[in-house]
Amino acid sequence: MDRVVAVIEGQVLTQSELEMEARVALIQRGAVQVAALPLDEQTLQGALEFSINQRLQVLSADRLQAFPAEPAEVEARLEAFRMRLGGEEGLKRFLARHDVDQEALLAVLARGLRAERILDSRVRLKAQVSEAEVRHHYDEHRDLFPGEFDQAARTAIREQLVRARYGELAAQALAEVRKSAQVRRVAPFAREARR
């Protein structure tokens, strides 16, 4: 019997759903070995927070009928996932091992795609940095950038600053979405992850 780990805005998230979604996210990031390995509590805690964030963003977008996932993009994600697992046979083993069909996997991939778009739309422009900020960072950290303040140095600094700012803004945006959300964690490991 599957147990409930959280209720998010009235939607139940079960242990098996969480584990499958955690594996999908990890495999998408290159950790293919987790397809068959047990997941520890720390991984499940992180996966739960990730899943809650995704669901809340998508629920908010659903209310506005915004940020649909194009079928071609979802299919492209499925194909990339299939290739990470070693092809069609690897995908079939993954689906059978987690007792889900391809439609359930497509739903997870579509939700992930939408959540990324939603978050990106909220923070991408705000995360941009000016040339003056790049120069200031270079001047304060010259020891990290030997050589001239050339295009390669400016590009590296800009990417670093944008990544850092994007991360901060994304965390703020997710905290804002979660502030008014109704989320109840049920599983023991889930309650420990409460923030």
Protein backbone atom coordinates (compact mmCIF):
# COMPACT_ATOMS: atom_id res chain seq x y z
CA MET A 1 0.00 0.00 0.00
CA ASP A 2 1.34 3.39 -1.03
CA ARG A 3 1.62 6.04 1.65
CA VAL A 4 0.92 9.74 1.38
CA VAL A 5 3.98 11.95 1.92
CA ALA A 6 2.36 15.37 1.36
CA VAL A 7 -0.83 17.15 0.41
CA ILE A 8 -0.20 20.17 -1.81
CA GLU A 9 -3.15 22.51 -2.33
CA GLY A 10 -5.44 19.51 -1.87
CA GLN A 11 -3.47 17.23 -4.22
CA VAL A 12 -2.00 14.09 -2.71
CA LEU A 13 1.62 13.15 -3.35
CA THR A 14 2.43 9.51 -2.61
CA GLN A 15 5.74 7.90 -1.71
CA SER A 16 5.91 6.01 -5.02
CA GLU A 17 5.19 9.19 -7.02
CA LEU A 18 7.85 11.07 -5.10
CA GLU A 19 10.44 8.35 -5.60
CA MET A 20 9.73 8.10 -9.32
CA GLU A 21 9.86 11.89 -9.74
CA ALA A 22 13.10 12.06 -7.74
CA ARG A 23 14.66 9.47 -10.02
CA VAL A 24 13.46 11.31 -13.14
CA ALA A 25 15.01 14.57 -11.92
CA LEU A 26 18.28 12.89 -10.94
CA ILE A 27 18.53 10.97 -14.22
CA GLN A 28 17.89 14.17 -16.17
CA ARG A 29 20.88 15.66 -14.37
CA GLY A 30 23.09 12.71 -15.30
CA ALA A 31 22.77 10.44 -12.27
CA VAL A 32 21.59 7.43 -14.27
CA GLN A 33 22.76 4.96 -11.59
CA VAL A 34 19.83 6.01 -9.34
CA ALA A 35 17.36 4.34 -11.69
CA ALA A 36 17.54 1.15 -9.63
CA LEU A 37 19.18 2.16 -6.33
CA PRO A 38 17.27 2.91 -3.10
CA LEU A 39 16.91 6.61 -2.27
CA ASP A 40 18.04 7.85 1.14
CA GLU A 41 16.00 10.19 3.33
CA GLN A 42 18.10 13.24 2.47
CA THR A 43 17.50 12.67 -1.24
CA LEU A 44 13.79 12.19 -0.59
CA GLN A 45 13.65 15.39 1.47
CA GLY A 46 15.25 17.37 -1.35
CA ALA A 47 13.00 15.69 -3.91
CA LEU A 48 9.94 16.54 -1.86
CA GLU A 49 10.84 20.22 -1.71
CA PHE A 50 11.57 20.18 -5.45
CA SER A 51 8.25 18.45 -6.18
CA ILE A 52 6.28 20.82 -3.96
CA ASN A 53 7.87 23.82 -5.71
CA GLN A 54 7.10 22.44 -9.15
CA ARG A 55 3.51 21.61 -8.30
CA LEU A 56 2.83 25.02 -6.76
CA GLN A 57 4.27 26.86 -9.75
CA VAL A 58 2.26 24.79 -12.21
CA LEU A 59 -0.95 25.13 -10.18
CA SER A 60 -0.48 28.90 -10.22
CA ALA A 61 0.12 28.88 -13.98
CA ASP A 62 -2.92 26.62 -14.49
CA ARG A 63 -5.15 29.24 -12.86
CA LEU A 64 -3.94 31.74 -15.45
CA GLN A 65 -3.85 29.18 -18.27
CA ALA A 66 -0.23 30.18 -18.83
CA PHE A 67 2.99 28.48 -19.83
CA PRO A 68 1.69 25.41 -21.62
CA ALA A 69 4.19 22.68 -22.43
CA GLU A 70 4.38 22.13 -26.17
CA PRO A 71 4.07 18.45 -27.10
CA ALA A 72 7.22 18.58 -29.24
CA GLU A 73 9.24 19.92 -26.31
CA VAL A 74 7.91 17.24 -23.98
CA GLU A 75 8.73 14.59 -26.60
CA ALA A 76 12.25 16.00 -26.85
CA ARG A 77 12.63 15.67 -23.08
CA LEU A 78 11.34 12.11 -23.27
CA GLU A 79 13.84 11.29 -26.01
CA ALA A 80 16.72 12.77 -23.97
CA PHE A 81 15.54 10.77 -20.94
CA ARG A 82 15.32 7.60 -23.06
CA MET A 83 18.88 8.13 -24.32
CA ARG A 84 20.19 8.66 -20.77
CA LEU A 85 18.75 5.27 -19.87
CA GLY A 86 20.42 3.61 -22.83
CA GLY A 87 17.53 3.57 -25.29
CA GLU A 88 14.06 2.07 -25.48
CA GLU A 89 14.87 -1.05 -23.44
CA GLY A 90 16.30 1.06 -20.61
CA LEU A 91 13.16 3.22 -20.63
CA LYS A 92 10.92 0.16 -20.53
CA ARG A 93 12.88 -1.25 -17.56
CA PHE A 94 12.59 2.08 -15.75
CA LEU A 95 8.82 2.28 -16.31
CA ALA A 96 8.29 -1.35 -15.27
CA ARG A 97 10.51 -0.99 -12.17
CA HIS A 98 8.46 1.98 -10.98
CA ASP A 99 5.12 0.62 -12.14
CA VAL A 100 4.26 3.66 -14.25
CA ASP A 101 3.36 4.07 -17.89
CA GLN A 102 4.84 6.44 -20.41
CA GLU A 103 1.93 8.87 -19.97
CA ALA A 104 2.80 9.30 -16.28
CA LEU A 105 6.42 9.95 -17.21
CA LEU A 106 5.32 12.46 -19.85
CA ALA A 107 3.23 14.26 -17.22
CA VAL A 108 6.27 14.53 -14.92
CA LEU A 109 8.46 15.79 -17.78
CA ALA A 110 5.80 18.32 -18.85
CA ARG A 111 5.39 19.61 -15.29
CA GLY A 112 9.16 20.02 -14.98
CA LEU A 113 9.34 21.89 -18.27
CA ARG A 114 6.51 24.20 -17.27
CA ALA A 115 7.98 24.84 -13.81
CA GLU A 116 11.33 25.79 -15.35
CA ARG A 117 9.63 28.19 -17.76
CA ILE A 118 7.53 29.76 -15.04
CA LEU A 119 10.50 30.34 -12.78
CA ASP A 120 12.63 31.58 -15.67
CA SER A 121 9.95 34.09 -16.66
CA ARG A 122 9.96 35.49 -13.15
CA VAL A 123 13.69 35.87 -12.66
CA ARG A 124 15.64 35.80 -15.96
CA LEU A 125 15.48 39.54 -16.70
CA LYS A 126 16.10 40.52 -13.09
CA ALA A 127 19.19 38.30 -13.00
CA GLN A 128 21.01 40.23 -15.73
CA VAL A 129 24.11 42.16 -14.72
CA SER A 130 25.52 45.37 -16.13
CA GLU A 131 28.96 45.87 -17.62
CA ALA A 132 29.76 48.07 -14.60
CA GLU A 133 28.95 45.18 -12.23
CA VAL A 134 31.17 42.87 -14.26
CA ARG A 135 34.04 45.39 -14.15
CA HIS A 136 33.57 45.97 -10.41
CA HIS A 137 33.72 42.21 -9.75
CA TYR A 138 36.85 41.93 -11.89
CA ASP A 139 38.54 44.81 -10.03
CA GLU A 140 37.72 43.28 -6.64
CA HIS A 141 38.85 39.77 -7.63
CA ARG A 142 41.81 40.35 -9.96
CA ASP A 143 43.70 37.49 -8.35
CA LEU A 144 41.07 35.07 -9.70
CA PHE A 145 41.33 36.43 -13.26
CA PRO A 146 44.94 36.58 -14.39
CA GLY A 147 45.51 38.50 -17.56
CA GLU A 148 43.56 41.22 -19.27
CA PHE A 149 39.96 42.27 -18.80
CA ASP A 150 39.16 40.79 -22.18
CA GLN A 151 36.01 39.28 -23.65
CA ALA A 152 36.73 35.84 -22.18
CA ALA A 153 37.12 37.29 -18.67
CA ARG A 154 33.99 39.43 -19.04
CA THR A 155 31.97 36.44 -20.26
CA ALA A 156 33.15 34.21 -17.41
CA ILE A 157 32.42 36.88 -14.79
CA ARG A 158 29.02 37.71 -16.28
CA GLU A 159 28.00 34.03 -16.27
CA GLN A 160 29.13 33.63 -12.67
CA LEU A 161 27.28 36.74 -11.49
CA VAL A 162 24.11 35.89 -13.43
CA ARG A 163 24.10 32.32 -12.03
CA ALA A 164 24.48 33.61 -8.48
CA ARG A 165 21.81 36.29 -8.88
CA TYR A 166 19.47 33.87 -10.66
CA GLY A 167 19.82 31.40 -7.79
CA GLU A 168 19.01 34.06 -5.20
CA LEU A 169 16.04 35.39 -7.15
CA ALA A 170 14.74 31.88 -7.83
CA ALA A 171 14.87 31.07 -4.12
CA GLN A 172 12.97 34.29 -3.35
CA ALA A 173 10.36 33.58 -6.03
CA LEU A 174 9.80 30.04 -4.77
CA ALA A 175 9.54 31.27 -1.18
CA GLU A 176 6.92 33.78 -2.30
CA VAL A 177 4.88 31.09 -4.05
CA ARG A 178 5.07 28.84 -1.00
CA LYS A 179 4.19 31.57 1.48
CA SER A 180 0.46 31.42 0.83
CA ALA A 181 0.29 27.78 -0.28
CA GLN A 182 -1.42 25.06 1.66
CA VAL A 183 1.10 22.29 2.03
CA ARG A 184 0.92 19.51 4.59
CA ARG A 185 3.82 17.12 4.93
CA VAL A 186 2.80 13.71 6.22
CA ALA A 187 5.73 11.26 6.07
CA PRO A 188 8.28 11.39 8.93
CA PHE A 189 11.14 12.37 6.60
CA ALA A 190 8.85 14.97 5.00
CA ARG A 191 8.07 16.69 8.29
CA GLU A 192 11.79 16.95 9.04
CA ALA A 193 12.30 18.87 5.79
CA ARG A 194 9.86 21.62 6.80
CA ARG A 195 11.18 25.13 6.29
